[in-house]
Amino acid sequence: MTVNGYPNLFFPAGPQGPLSFTSGPIGIEMKCGIICDAIGRLQADGNTILELTAAAQETWSQYVKSHFDGTLFLDSLDSWFLGENIPGKKREVLSYAAGLSQYEMDCEKLSILGTDSHGSS
């Protein structure tokens, strides 16, 4: 929902989220709730900046890839799921394939663990 190097910038419909495999409006509504909760926690703690660390970003990318590894999409040719529809783009998993409910649970788990251990929730 956010990316390293861009503090306080959130993507309700961004990469490595579940929207490719669910209803867009329902997924965006859920993600906006998670973003609002994160902003609320930030303000309650007296902070003004939320920025994902590079390490947390890489950890999430590998986690998303681990779910995608069990699908048939991984072996598809020139799939947009892997960014291969853009010449020269690095091949990487762009969609969270474990479903909306699991995504919400993962986000909740990260928020419980806190920003110190994972960079951002």
PDB file of N, CA and C in Angstrom:
ATOM      1  N   MET A   1       0.804  -1.196   0.000  1.00  0.00           N
ATOM      2  CA  MET A   1       0.000   0.000   0.000  1.00  0.00           C
ATOM      3  C   MET A   1       0.846   1.260   0.000  1.00  0.00           C
ATOM      4  N   THR A   2       2.135   1.084   0.247  1.00  0.00           N
ATOM      5  CA  THR A   2       3.063   2.206   0.231  1.00  0.00           C
ATOM      6  C   THR A   2       4.400   1.685  -0.297  1.00  0.00           C
ATOM      7  N   VAL A   3       5.313   2.597  -0.573  1.00  0.00           N
ATOM      8  CA  VAL A   3       6.584   2.191  -1.151  1.00  0.00           C
ATOM      9  C   VAL A   3       7.715   2.993  -0.508  1.00  0.00           C
ATOM     10  N   ASN A   4       8.864   2.372  -0.379  1.00  0.00           N
ATOM     11  CA  ASN A   4      10.028   3.023   0.195  1.00  0.00           C
ATOM     12  C   ASN A   4      10.402   4.258  -0.610  1.00  0.00           C
ATOM     13  N   GLY A   5      10.748   5.324   0.098  1.00  0.00           N
ATOM     14  CA  GLY A   5      11.189   6.550  -0.559  1.00  0.00           C
ATOM     15  C   GLY A   5      10.088   7.575  -0.756  1.00  0.00           C
ATOM     16  N   TYR A   6       8.854   7.212  -0.432  1.00  0.00           N
ATOM     17  CA  TYR A   6       7.719   8.120  -0.597  1.00  0.00           C
ATOM     18  C   TYR A   6       6.886   8.127   0.684  1.00  0.00           C
ATOM     19  N   PRO A   7       7.341   8.836   1.714  1.00  0.00           N
ATOM     20  CA  PRO A   7       6.607   8.840   2.980  1.00  0.00           C
ATOM     21  C   PRO A   7       5.197   9.401   2.819  1.00  0.00           C
ATOM     22  N   ASN A   8       4.272   8.811   3.563  1.00  0.00           N
ATOM     23  CA  ASN A   8       2.873   9.241   3.605  1.00  0.00           C
ATOM     24  C   ASN A   8       2.153   9.148   2.262  1.00  0.00           C
ATOM     25  N   LEU A   9       2.666   8.364   1.340  1.00  0.00           N
ATOM     26  CA  LEU A   9       1.991   8.137   0.061  1.00  0.00           C
ATOM     27  C   LEU A   9       1.433   6.720   0.081  1.00  0.00           C
ATOM     28  N   PHE A  10       0.116   6.622  -0.078  1.00  0.00           N
ATOM     29  CA  PHE A  10      -0.557   5.328  -0.006  1.00  0.00           C
ATOM     30  C   PHE A  10      -1.247   5.020  -1.324  1.00  0.00           C
ATOM     31  N   PHE A  11      -1.252   3.744  -1.701  1.00  0.00           N
ATOM     32  CA  PHE A  11      -1.862   3.275  -2.939  1.00  0.00           C
ATOM     33  C   PHE A  11      -2.996   2.301  -2.618  1.00  0.00           C
ATOM     34  N   PRO A  12      -4.240   2.758  -2.546  1.00  0.00           N
ATOM     35  CA  PRO A  12      -5.337   1.828  -2.254  1.00  0.00           C
ATOM     36  C   PRO A  12      -5.522   0.762  -3.336  1.00  0.00           C
ATOM     37  N   ALA A  13      -5.042   1.030  -4.530  1.00  0.00           N
ATOM     38  CA  ALA A  13      -5.175   0.056  -5.620  1.00  0.00           C
ATOM     39  C   ALA A  13      -3.822  -0.210  -6.269  1.00  0.00           C
ATOM     40  N   GLY A  14      -2.773  -0.217  -5.475  1.00  0.00           N
ATOM     41  CA  GLY A  14      -1.428  -0.350  -6.005  1.00  0.00           C
ATOM     42  C   GLY A  14      -0.953  -1.776  -6.178  1.00  0.00           C
ATOM     43  N   PRO A  15       0.303  -1.934  -6.599  1.00  0.00           N
ATOM     44  CA  PRO A  15       0.877  -3.259  -6.851  1.00  0.00           C
ATOM     45  C   PRO A  15       1.050  -4.085  -5.584  1.00  0.00           C
ATOM     46  N   GLN A  16       1.096  -5.385  -5.778  1.00  0.00           N
ATOM     47  CA  GLN A  16       1.290  -6.397  -4.744  1.00  0.00           C
ATOM     48  C   GLN A  16       0.157  -6.425  -3.721  1.00  0.00           C
ATOM     49  N   GLY A  17      -1.001  -5.973  -4.166  1.00  0.00           N
ATOM     50  CA  GLY A  17      -2.223  -6.079  -3.381  1.00  0.00           C
ATOM     51  C   GLY A  17      -3.136  -7.124  -4.008  1.00  0.00           C
ATOM     52  N   PRO A  18      -4.298  -7.362  -3.400  1.00  0.00           N
ATOM     53  CA  PRO A  18      -5.180  -8.446  -3.840  1.00  0.00           C
ATOM     54  C   PRO A  18      -6.195  -8.076  -4.918  1.00  0.00           C
ATOM     55  N   LEU A  19      -6.155  -6.866  -5.452  1.00  0.00           N
ATOM     56  CA  LEU A  19      -7.249  -6.416  -6.316  1.00  0.00           C
ATOM     57  C   LEU A  19      -7.364  -7.159  -7.636  1.00  0.00           C
ATOM     58  N   SER A  20      -6.318  -7.805  -8.095  1.00  0.00           N
ATOM     59  CA  SER A  20      -6.407  -8.578  -9.341  1.00  0.00           C
ATOM     60  C   SER A  20      -7.250  -9.830  -9.165  1.00  0.00           C
ATOM     61  N   PHE A  21      -7.438 -10.248  -7.922  1.00  0.00           N
ATOM     62  CA  PHE A  21      -8.144 -11.496  -7.647  1.00  0.00           C
ATOM     63  C   PHE A  21      -9.411 -11.292  -6.820  1.00  0.00           C
ATOM     64  N   THR A  22      -9.937 -10.076  -6.783  1.00  0.00           N
ATOM     65  CA  THR A  22     -11.139  -9.806  -5.990  1.00  0.00           C
ATOM     66  C   THR A  22     -11.928  -8.668  -6.622  1.00  0.00           C
ATOM     67  N   SER A  23     -13.057  -8.361  -6.048  1.00  0.00           N
ATOM     68  CA  SER A  23     -13.873  -7.234  -6.492  1.00  0.00           C
ATOM     69  C   SER A  23     -13.154  -5.937  -6.129  1.00  0.00           C
ATOM     70  N   GLY A  24     -12.921  -5.097  -7.125  1.00  0.00           N
ATOM     71  CA  GLY A  24     -12.184  -3.855  -6.905  1.00  0.00           C
ATOM     72  C   GLY A  24     -12.736  -2.976  -5.796  1.00  0.00           C
ATOM     73  N   PRO A  25     -14.022  -2.597  -5.845  1.00  0.00           N
ATOM     74  CA  PRO A  25     -14.550  -1.709  -4.804  1.00  0.00           C
ATOM     75  C   PRO A  25     -14.443  -2.290  -3.391  1.00  0.00           C
ATOM     76  N   ILE A  26     -14.695  -3.572  -3.245  1.00  0.00           N
ATOM     77  CA  ILE A  26     -14.601  -4.195  -1.919  1.00  0.00           C
ATOM     78  C   ILE A  26     -13.153  -4.182  -1.431  1.00  0.00           C
ATOM     79  N   GLY A  27     -12.224  -4.517  -2.313  1.00  0.00           N
ATOM     80  CA  GLY A  27     -10.815  -4.517  -1.940  1.00  0.00           C
ATOM     81  C   GLY A  27     -10.298  -3.131  -1.607  1.00  0.00           C
ATOM     82  N   ILE A  28     -10.691  -2.140  -2.394  1.00  0.00           N
ATOM     83  CA  ILE A  28     -10.247  -0.763  -2.142  1.00  0.00           C
ATOM     84  C   ILE A  28     -10.818  -0.252  -0.824  1.00  0.00           C
ATOM     85  N   GLU A  29     -12.095  -0.568  -0.557  1.00  0.00           N
ATOM     86  CA  GLU A  29     -12.699  -0.148   0.709  1.00  0.00           C
ATOM     87  C   GLU A  29     -11.930  -0.740   1.898  1.00  0.00           C
ATOM     88  N   MET A  30     -11.606  -2.020   1.809  1.00  0.00           N
ATOM     89  CA  MET A  30     -10.866  -2.670   2.885  1.00  0.00           C
ATOM     90  C   MET A  30      -9.482  -2.034   3.046  1.00  0.00           C
ATOM     91  N   LYS A  31      -8.796  -1.792   1.929  1.00  0.00           N
ATOM     92  CA  LYS A  31      -7.458  -1.206   2.002  1.00  0.00           C
ATOM     93  C   LYS A  31      -7.502   0.219   2.546  1.00  0.00           C
ATOM     94  N   CYS A  32      -8.530   0.986   2.185  1.00  0.00           N
ATOM     95  CA  CYS A  32      -8.661   2.348   2.724  1.00  0.00           C
ATOM     96  C   CYS A  32      -8.869   2.311   4.236  1.00  0.00           C
ATOM     97  N   GLY A  33      -9.604   1.310   4.725  1.00  0.00           N
ATOM     98  CA  GLY A  33      -9.767   1.149   6.169  1.00  0.00           C
ATOM     99  C   GLY A  33      -8.440   0.877   6.852  1.00  0.00           C
ATOM    100  N   ILE A  34      -7.629   0.038   6.245  1.00  0.00           N
ATOM    101  CA  ILE A  34      -6.305  -0.274   6.806  1.00  0.00           C
ATOM    102  C   ILE A  34      -5.423   0.976   6.808  1.00  0.00           C
ATOM    103  N   ILE A  35      -5.472   1.738   5.725  1.00  0.00           N
ATOM    104  CA  ILE A  35      -4.690   2.978   5.634  1.00  0.00           C
ATOM    105  C   ILE A  35      -5.146   3.971   6.703  1.00  0.00           C
ATOM    106  N   CYS A  36      -6.458   4.133   6.862  1.00  0.00           N
ATOM    107  CA  CYS A  36      -6.981   5.055   7.881  1.00  0.00           C
ATOM    108  C   CYS A  36      -6.570   4.622   9.283  1.00  0.00           C
ATOM    109  N   ASP A  37      -6.605   3.322   9.548  1.00  0.00           N
ATOM    110  CA  ASP A  37      -6.161   2.810  10.851  1.00  0.00           C
ATOM    111  C   ASP A  37      -4.684   3.125  11.082  1.00  0.00           C
ATOM    112  N   ALA A  38      -3.862   2.955  10.048  1.00  0.00           N
ATOM    113  CA  ALA A  38      -2.426   3.237  10.171  1.00  0.00           C
ATOM    114  C   ALA A  38      -2.190   4.720  10.451  1.00  0.00           C
ATOM    115  N   ILE A  39      -2.927   5.588   9.766  1.00  0.00           N
ATOM    116  CA  ILE A  39      -2.795   7.032   9.997  1.00  0.00           C
ATOM    117  C   ILE A  39      -3.249   7.378  11.411  1.00  0.00           C
ATOM    118  N   GLY A  40      -4.335   6.748  11.865  1.00  0.00           N
ATOM    119  CA  GLY A  40      -4.817   6.983  13.224  1.00  0.00           C
ATOM    120  C   GLY A  40      -3.796   6.584  14.278  1.00  0.00           C
ATOM    121  N   ARG A  41      -3.152   5.419  14.087  1.00  0.00           N
ATOM    122  CA  ARG A  41      -2.109   4.980  15.021  1.00  0.00           C
ATOM    123  C   ARG A  41      -0.914   5.930  14.987  1.00  0.00           C
ATOM    124  N   LEU A  42      -0.577   6.386  13.795  1.00  0.00           N
ATOM    125  CA  LEU A  42       0.530   7.320  13.631  1.00  0.00           C
ATOM    126  C   LEU A  42       0.266   8.593  14.432  1.00  0.00           C
ATOM    127  N   GLN A  43      -0.934   9.149  14.269  1.00  0.00           N
ATOM    128  CA  GLN A  43      -1.299  10.375  14.983  1.00  0.00           C
ATOM    129  C   GLN A  43      -1.372  10.145  16.490  1.00  0.00           C
ATOM    130  N   ALA A  44      -1.927   9.011  16.904  1.00  0.00           N
ATOM    131  CA  ALA A  44      -2.044   8.704  18.336  1.00  0.00           C
ATOM    132  C   ALA A  44      -0.673   8.612  19.001  1.00  0.00           C
ATOM    133  N   ASP A  45       0.315   8.185  18.237  1.00  0.00           N
ATOM    134  CA  ASP A  45       1.679   8.077  18.756  1.00  0.00           C
ATOM    135  C   ASP A  45       2.452   9.388  18.651  1.00  0.00           C
ATOM    136  N   GLY A  46       1.802  10.442  18.126  1.00  0.00           N
ATOM    137  CA  GLY A  46       2.448  11.740  17.997  1.00  0.00           C
ATOM    138  C   GLY A  46       3.400  11.845  16.822  1.00  0.00           C
ATOM    139  N   ASN A  47       3.280  10.945  15.861  1.00  0.00           N
ATOM    140  CA  ASN A  47       4.149  10.958  14.680  1.00  0.00           C
ATOM    141  C   ASN A  47       3.426  11.581  13.490  1.00  0.00           C
ATOM    142  N   THR A  48       4.191  12.029  12.516  1.00  0.00           N
ATOM    143  CA  THR A  48       3.604  12.636  11.319  1.00  0.00           C
ATOM    144  C   THR A  48       4.040  11.960  10.031  1.00  0.00           C
ATOM    145  N   ILE A  49       5.001  11.054  10.106  1.00  0.00           N
ATOM    146  CA  ILE A  49       5.538  10.426   8.893  1.00  0.00           C
ATOM    147  C   ILE A  49       5.474   8.912   9.016  1.00  0.00           C
ATOM    148  N   LEU A  50       4.964   8.281   7.987  1.00  0.00           N
ATOM    149  CA  LEU A  50       4.990   6.824   7.885  1.00  0.00           C
ATOM    150  C   LEU A  50       5.697   6.483   6.581  1.00  0.00           C
ATOM    151  N   GLU A  51       6.831   5.809   6.684  1.00  0.00           N
ATOM    152  CA  GLU A  51       7.596   5.444   5.497  1.00  0.00           C
ATOM    153  C   GLU A  51       8.047   3.992   5.609  1.00  0.00           C
ATOM    154  N   LEU A  52       7.813   3.257   4.570  1.00  0.00           N
ATOM    155  CA  LEU A  52       8.210   1.861   4.485  1.00  0.00           C
ATOM    156  C   LEU A  52       9.726   1.772   4.318  1.00  0.00           C
ATOM    157  N   THR A  53      10.363   0.890   5.068  1.00  0.00           N
ATOM    158  CA  THR A  53      11.801   0.699   4.896  1.00  0.00           C
ATOM    159  C   THR A  53      12.054  -0.181   3.670  1.00  0.00           C
ATOM    160  N   ALA A  54      13.243  -0.070   3.110  1.00  0.00           N
ATOM    161  CA  ALA A  54      13.606  -0.904   1.960  1.00  0.00           C
ATOM    162  C   ALA A  54      13.573  -2.382   2.339  1.00  0.00           C
ATOM    163  N   ALA A  55      14.017  -2.701   3.553  1.00  0.00           N
ATOM    164  CA  ALA A  55      14.021  -4.099   4.004  1.00  0.00           C
ATOM    165  C   ALA A  55      12.599  -4.641   4.121  1.00  0.00           C
ATOM    166  N   ALA A  56      11.685  -3.842   4.664  1.00  0.00           N
ATOM    167  CA  ALA A  56      10.288  -4.279   4.785  1.00  0.00           C
ATOM    168  C   ALA A  56       9.654  -4.451   3.409  1.00  0.00           C
ATOM    169  N   GLN A  57      10.001  -3.577   2.486  1.00  0.00           N
ATOM    170  CA  GLN A  57       9.476  -3.681   1.126  1.00  0.00           C
ATOM    171  C   GLN A  57       9.934  -4.981   0.470  1.00  0.00           C
ATOM    172  N   GLU A  58      11.192  -5.325   0.624  1.00  0.00           N
ATOM    173  CA  GLU A  58      11.725  -6.562   0.047  1.00  0.00           C
ATOM    174  C   GLU A  58      11.114  -7.787   0.719  1.00  0.00           C
ATOM    175  N   THR A  59      10.930  -7.727   2.030  1.00  0.00           N
ATOM    176  CA  THR A  59      10.302  -8.837   2.757  1.00  0.00           C
ATOM    177  C   THR A  59       8.885  -9.069   2.251  1.00  0.00           C
ATOM    178  N   TRP A  60       8.116  -7.990   2.074  1.00  0.00           N
ATOM    179  CA  TRP A  60       6.743  -8.119   1.569  1.00  0.00           C
ATOM    180  C   TRP A  60       6.753  -8.679   0.147  1.00  0.00           C
ATOM    181  N   SER A  61       7.643  -8.186  -0.692  1.00  0.00           N
ATOM    182  CA  SER A  61       7.722  -8.678  -2.079  1.00  0.00           C
ATOM    183  C   SER A  61       7.989 -10.177  -2.117  1.00  0.00           C
ATOM    184  N   GLN A  62       8.893 -10.652  -1.275  1.00  0.00           N
ATOM    185  CA  GLN A  62       9.189 -12.088  -1.229  1.00  0.00           C
ATOM    186  C   GLN A  62       7.997 -12.882  -0.697  1.00  0.00           C
ATOM    187  N   TYR A  63       7.288 -12.319   0.262  1.00  0.00           N
ATOM    188  CA  TYR A  63       6.094 -12.969   0.813  1.00  0.00           C
ATOM    189  C   TYR A  63       5.008 -13.086  -0.261  1.00  0.00           C
ATOM    190  N   VAL A  64       4.786 -12.008  -1.005  1.00  0.00           N
ATOM    191  CA  VAL A  64       3.802 -12.021  -2.093  1.00  0.00           C
ATOM    192  C   VAL A  64       4.205 -13.055  -3.138  1.00  0.00           C
ATOM    193  N   LYS A  65       5.489 -13.111  -3.464  1.00  0.00           N
ATOM    194  CA  LYS A  65       5.977 -14.089  -4.437  1.00  0.00           C
ATOM    195  C   LYS A  65       5.746 -15.514  -3.942  1.00  0.00           C
ATOM    196  N   SER A  66       5.899 -15.744  -2.649  1.00  0.00           N
ATOM    197  CA  SER A  66       5.715 -17.099  -2.116  1.00  0.00           C
ATOM    198  C   SER A  66       4.284 -17.591  -2.329  1.00  0.00           C
ATOM    199  N   HIS A  67       3.306 -16.703  -2.254  1.00  0.00           N
ATOM    200  CA  HIS A  67       1.919 -17.085  -2.539  1.00  0.00           C
ATOM    201  C   HIS A  67       1.718 -17.318  -4.034  1.00  0.00           C
ATOM    202  N   PHE A  68       2.358 -16.511  -4.835  1.00  0.00           N
ATOM    203  CA  PHE A  68       2.198 -16.588  -6.290  1.00  0.00           C
ATOM    204  C   PHE A  68       2.871 -17.832  -6.859  1.00  0.00           C
ATOM    205  N   ASP A  69       3.898 -18.327  -6.175  1.00  0.00           N
ATOM    206  CA  ASP A  69       4.623 -19.512  -6.640  1.00  0.00           C
ATOM    207  C   ASP A  69       3.716 -20.726  -6.794  1.00  0.00           C
ATOM    208  N   GLY A  70       2.625 -20.778  -6.050  1.00  0.00           N
ATOM    209  CA  GLY A  70       1.717 -21.916  -6.120  1.00  0.00           C
ATOM    210  C   GLY A  70       0.640 -21.801  -7.182  1.00  0.00           C
ATOM    211  N   THR A  71       0.730 -20.802  -8.044  1.00  0.00           N
ATOM    212  CA  THR A  71      -0.282 -20.611  -9.088  1.00  0.00           C
ATOM    213  C   THR A  71       0.265 -21.005 -10.457  1.00  0.00           C
ATOM    214  N   LEU A  72      -0.626 -21.120 -11.413  1.00  0.00           N
ATOM    215  CA  LEU A  72      -0.219 -21.384 -12.795  1.00  0.00           C
ATOM    216  C   LEU A  72       0.276 -20.121 -13.489  1.00  0.00           C
ATOM    217  N   PHE A  73      -0.008 -18.955 -12.917  1.00  0.00           N
ATOM    218  CA  PHE A  73       0.391 -17.693 -13.540  1.00  0.00           C
ATOM    219  C   PHE A  73       1.904 -17.547 -13.624  1.00  0.00           C
ATOM    220  N   LEU A  74       2.621 -18.121 -12.675  1.00  0.00           N
ATOM    221  CA  LEU A  74       4.072 -17.959 -12.627  1.00  0.00           C
ATOM    222  C   LEU A  74       4.747 -18.448 -13.904  1.00  0.00           C
ATOM    223  N   ASP A  75       4.187 -19.479 -14.514  1.00  0.00           N
ATOM    224  CA  ASP A  75       4.785 -20.032 -15.726  1.00  0.00           C
ATOM    225  C   ASP A  75       4.173 -19.486 -17.011  1.00  0.00           C
ATOM    226  N   SER A  76       3.231 -18.546 -16.881  1.00  0.00           N
ATOM    227  CA  SER A  76       2.594 -18.010 -18.087  1.00  0.00           C
ATOM    228  C   SER A  76       3.577 -17.118 -18.849  1.00  0.00           C
ATOM    229  N   LEU A  77       3.374 -17.021 -20.143  1.00  0.00           N
ATOM    230  CA  LEU A  77       4.268 -16.236 -20.991  1.00  0.00           C
ATOM    231  C   LEU A  77       3.859 -14.768 -21.002  1.00  0.00           C
ATOM    232  N   ASP A  78       4.794 -13.889 -20.824  1.00  0.00           N
ATOM    233  CA  ASP A  78       4.578 -12.450 -20.932  1.00  0.00           C
ATOM    234  C   ASP A  78       3.348 -11.969 -20.173  1.00  0.00           C
ATOM    235  N   SER A  79       3.157 -12.441 -18.967  1.00  0.00           N
ATOM    236  CA  SER A  79       1.985 -12.099 -18.170  1.00  0.00           C
ATOM    237  C   SER A  79       2.122 -10.722 -17.531  1.00  0.00           C
ATOM    238  N   TRP A  80       1.035  -9.963 -17.552  1.00  0.00           N
ATOM    239  CA  TRP A  80       1.055  -8.673 -16.860  1.00  0.00           C
ATOM    240  C   TRP A  80       1.127  -8.881 -15.351  1.00  0.00           C
ATOM    241  N   PHE A  81       0.753 -10.072 -14.864  1.00  0.00           N
ATOM    242  CA  PHE A  81       0.877 -10.380 -13.443  1.00  0.00           C
ATOM    243  C   PHE A  81       2.335 -10.292 -12.996  1.00  0.00           C
ATOM    244  N   LEU A  82       3.243 -10.402 -13.935  1.00  0.00           N
ATOM    245  CA  LEU A  82       4.677 -10.364 -13.644  1.00  0.00           C
ATOM    246  C   LEU A  82       5.354  -9.133 -14.240  1.00  0.00           C
ATOM    247  N   GLY A  83       4.566  -8.221 -14.792  1.00  0.00           N
ATOM    248  CA  GLY A  83       5.118  -7.006 -15.373  1.00  0.00           C
ATOM    249  C   GLY A  83       5.787  -7.202 -16.716  1.00  0.00           C
ATOM    250  N   GLU A  84       5.586  -8.364 -17.325  1.00  0.00           N
ATOM    251  CA  GLU A  84       6.290  -8.660 -18.575  1.00  0.00           C
ATOM    252  C   GLU A  84       5.648  -8.030 -19.809  1.00  0.00           C
ATOM    253  N   ASN A  85       4.542  -7.328 -19.631  1.00  0.00           N
ATOM    254  CA  ASN A  85       3.933  -6.646 -20.765  1.00  0.00           C
ATOM    255  C   ASN A  85       4.625  -5.310 -21.049  1.00  0.00           C
ATOM    256  N   ILE A  86       5.624  -4.970 -20.244  1.00  0.00           N
ATOM    257  CA  ILE A  86       6.381  -3.737 -20.424  1.00  0.00           C
ATOM    258  C   ILE A  86       7.821  -4.115 -20.760  1.00  0.00           C
ATOM    259  N   PRO A  87       8.258  -3.861 -21.994  1.00  0.00           N
ATOM    260  CA  PRO A  87       9.612  -4.238 -22.402  1.00  0.00           C
ATOM    261  C   PRO A  87      10.676  -3.638 -21.473  1.00  0.00           C
ATOM    262  N   GLY A  88      11.605  -4.481 -21.039  1.00  0.00           N
ATOM    263  CA  GLY A  88      12.704  -4.041 -20.192  1.00  0.00           C
ATOM    264  C   GLY A  88      12.389  -3.988 -18.707  1.00  0.00           C
ATOM    265  N   LYS A  89      11.136  -4.174 -18.336  1.00  0.00           N
ATOM    266  CA  LYS A  89      10.759  -4.137 -16.919  1.00  0.00           C
ATOM    267  C   LYS A  89      11.232  -5.405 -16.220  1.00  0.00           C
ATOM    268  N   LYS A  90      11.688  -5.244 -14.993  1.00  0.00           N
ATOM    269  CA  LYS A  90      12.117  -6.376 -14.175  1.00  0.00           C
ATOM    270  C   LYS A  90      10.929  -7.310 -13.932  1.00  0.00           C
ATOM    271  N   ARG A  91      11.151  -8.602 -14.082  1.00  0.00           N
ATOM    272  CA  ARG A  91      10.108  -9.599 -13.815  1.00  0.00           C
ATOM    273  C   ARG A  91       9.911  -9.689 -12.302  1.00  0.00           C
ATOM    274  N   GLU A  92       8.704  -9.370 -11.851  1.00  0.00           N
ATOM    275  CA  GLU A  92       8.371  -9.461 -10.438  1.00  0.00           C
ATOM    276  C   GLU A  92       6.872  -9.662 -10.287  1.00  0.00           C
ATOM    277  N   VAL A  93       6.482 -10.265  -9.184  1.00  0.00           N
ATOM    278  CA  VAL A  93       5.074 -10.528  -8.920  1.00  0.00           C
ATOM    279  C   VAL A  93       4.388  -9.223  -8.538  1.00  0.00           C
ATOM    280  N   LEU A  94       3.295  -8.900  -9.234  1.00  0.00           N
ATOM    281  CA  LEU A  94       2.592  -7.646  -9.001  1.00  0.00           C
ATOM    282  C   LEU A  94       1.254  -7.819  -8.297  1.00  0.00           C
ATOM    283  N   SER A  95       0.815  -9.052  -8.085  1.00  0.00           N
ATOM    284  CA  SER A  95      -0.497  -9.299  -7.485  1.00  0.00           C
ATOM    285  C   SER A  95      -0.389 -10.258  -6.307  1.00  0.00           C
ATOM    286  N   TYR A  96      -1.136  -9.962  -5.262  1.00  0.00           N
ATOM    287  CA  TYR A  96      -1.198 -10.803  -4.067  1.00  0.00           C
ATOM    288  C   TYR A  96      -2.227 -11.893  -4.336  1.00  0.00           C
ATOM    289  N   ALA A  97      -1.801 -13.140  -4.358  1.00  0.00           N
ATOM    290  CA  ALA A  97      -2.660 -14.238  -4.814  1.00  0.00           C
ATOM    291  C   ALA A  97      -3.310 -15.049  -3.697  1.00  0.00           C
ATOM    292  N   ALA A  98      -3.154 -14.651  -2.442  1.00  0.00           N
ATOM    293  CA  ALA A  98      -3.698 -15.455  -1.337  1.00  0.00           C
ATOM    294  C   ALA A  98      -5.121 -15.072  -0.953  1.00  0.00           C
ATOM    295  N   GLY A  99      -5.690 -14.074  -1.612  1.00  0.00           N
ATOM    296  CA  GLY A  99      -7.070 -13.694  -1.342  1.00  0.00           C
ATOM    297  C   GLY A  99      -7.205 -12.499  -0.416  1.00  0.00           C
ATOM    298  N   LEU A 100      -8.376 -11.885  -0.486  1.00  0.00           N
ATOM    299  CA  LEU A 100      -8.643 -10.663   0.268  1.00  0.00           C
ATOM    300  C   LEU A 100      -8.631 -10.893   1.779  1.00  0.00           C
ATOM    301  N   SER A 101      -9.236 -11.980   2.231  1.00  0.00           N
ATOM    302  CA  SER A 101      -9.274 -12.253   3.676  1.00  0.00           C
ATOM    303  C   SER A 101      -7.872 -12.449   4.244  1.00  0.00           C
ATOM    304  N   GLN A 102      -7.038 -13.204   3.534  1.00  0.00           N
ATOM    305  CA  GLN A 102      -5.665 -13.427   3.999  1.00  0.00           C
ATOM    306  C   GLN A 102      -4.873 -12.124   3.972  1.00  0.00           C
ATOM    307  N   TYR A 103      -5.094 -11.300   2.964  1.00  0.00           N
ATOM    308  CA  TYR A 103      -4.414 -10.009   2.871  1.00  0.00           C
ATOM    309  C   TYR A 103      -4.751  -9.150   4.089  1.00  0.00           C
ATOM    310  N   GLU A 104      -6.032  -9.118   4.430  1.00  0.00           N
ATOM    311  CA  GLU A 104      -6.455  -8.330   5.589  1.00  0.00           C
ATOM    312  C   GLU A 104      -5.807  -8.864   6.868  1.00  0.00           C
ATOM    313  N   MET A 105      -5.762 -10.188   7.016  1.00  0.00           N
ATOM    314  CA  MET A 105      -5.116 -10.783   8.194  1.00  0.00           C
ATOM    315  C   MET A 105      -3.622 -10.465   8.222  1.00  0.00           C
ATOM    316  N   ASP A 106      -2.968 -10.502   7.065  1.00  0.00           N
ATOM    317  CA  ASP A 106      -1.541 -10.174   7.002  1.00  0.00           C
ATOM    318  C   ASP A 106      -1.298  -8.725   7.406  1.00  0.00           C
ATOM    319  N   CYS A 107      -2.141  -7.831   6.926  1.00  0.00           N
ATOM    320  CA  CYS A 107      -1.994  -6.416   7.277  1.00  0.00           C
ATOM    321  C   CYS A 107      -2.220  -6.204   8.766  1.00  0.00           C
ATOM    322  N   GLU A 108      -3.209  -6.895   9.333  1.00  0.00           N
ATOM    323  CA  GLU A 108      -3.467  -6.798  10.769  1.00  0.00           C
ATOM    324  C   GLU A 108      -2.275  -7.342  11.558  1.00  0.00           C
ATOM    325  N   LYS A 109      -1.716  -8.457  11.113  1.00  0.00           N
ATOM    326  CA  LYS A 109      -0.551  -9.044  11.785  1.00  0.00           C
ATOM    327  C   LYS A 109       0.619  -8.059  11.778  1.00  0.00           C
ATOM    328  N   LEU A 110       0.853  -7.411  10.656  1.00  0.00           N
ATOM    329  CA  LEU A 110       1.949  -6.445  10.568  1.00  0.00           C
ATOM    330  C   LEU A 110       1.699  -5.249  11.465  1.00  0.00           C
ATOM    331  N   SER A 111       0.439  -4.816  11.580  1.00  0.00           N
ATOM    332  CA  SER A 111       0.155  -3.662  12.435  1.00  0.00           C
ATOM    333  C   SER A 111       0.332  -4.019  13.907  1.00  0.00           C
ATOM    334  N   ILE A 112       0.043  -5.263  14.279  1.00  0.00           N
ATOM    335  CA  ILE A 112       0.252  -5.708  15.661  1.00  0.00           C
ATOM    336  C   ILE A 112       1.743  -5.765  15.971  1.00  0.00           C
ATOM    337  N   LEU A 113       2.537  -6.232  15.012  1.00  0.00           N
ATOM    338  CA  LEU A 113       3.984  -6.325  15.217  1.00  0.00           C
ATOM    339  C   LEU A 113       4.629  -4.950  15.293  1.00  0.00           C
ATOM    340  N   GLY A 114       4.020  -3.973  14.632  1.00  0.00           N
ATOM    341  CA  GLY A 114       4.505  -2.603  14.716  1.00  0.00           C
ATOM    342  C   GLY A 114       5.468  -2.228  13.617  1.00  0.00           C
ATOM    343  N   THR A 115       5.690  -0.935  13.496  1.00  0.00           N
ATOM    344  CA  THR A 115       6.513  -0.417  12.418  1.00  0.00           C
ATOM    345  C   THR A 115       8.001  -0.634  12.652  1.00  0.00           C
ATOM    346  N   ASP A 116       8.427  -0.843  13.888  1.00  0.00           N
ATOM    347  CA  ASP A 116       9.856  -1.034  14.146  1.00  0.00           C
ATOM    348  C   ASP A 116      10.375  -2.329  13.532  1.00  0.00           C
ATOM    349  N   SER A 117       9.563  -3.379  13.558  1.00  0.00           N
ATOM    350  CA  SER A 117      10.052  -4.662  13.064  1.00  0.00           C
ATOM    351  C   SER A 117       9.793  -4.871  11.576  1.00  0.00           C
ATOM    352  N   HIS A 118       8.858  -4.154  11.007  1.00  0.00           N
ATOM    353  CA  HIS A 118       8.524  -4.374   9.600  1.00  0.00           C
ATOM    354  C   HIS A 118       8.531  -3.103   8.758  1.00  0.00           C
ATOM    355  N   GLY A 119       8.849  -1.973   9.329  1.00  0.00           N
ATOM    356  CA  GLY A 119       8.973  -0.758   8.539  1.00  0.00           C
ATOM    357  C   GLY A 119       7.687   0.002   8.382  1.00  0.00           C
ATOM    358  N   SER A 120       6.591  -0.686   8.210  1.00  0.00           N
ATOM    359  CA  SER A 120       5.303  -0.036   8.022  1.00  0.00           C
ATOM    360  C   SER A 120       4.223  -1.085   8.097  1.00  0.00           C
ATOM    361  N   SER A 121       3.024  -0.649   8.363  1.00  0.00           N
ATOM    362  CA  SER A 121       1.911  -1.598   8.380  1.00  0.00           C
ATOM    363  C   SER A 121       0.979  -1.339   7.226  1.00  0.00           C
TER     364      SER A 121
END
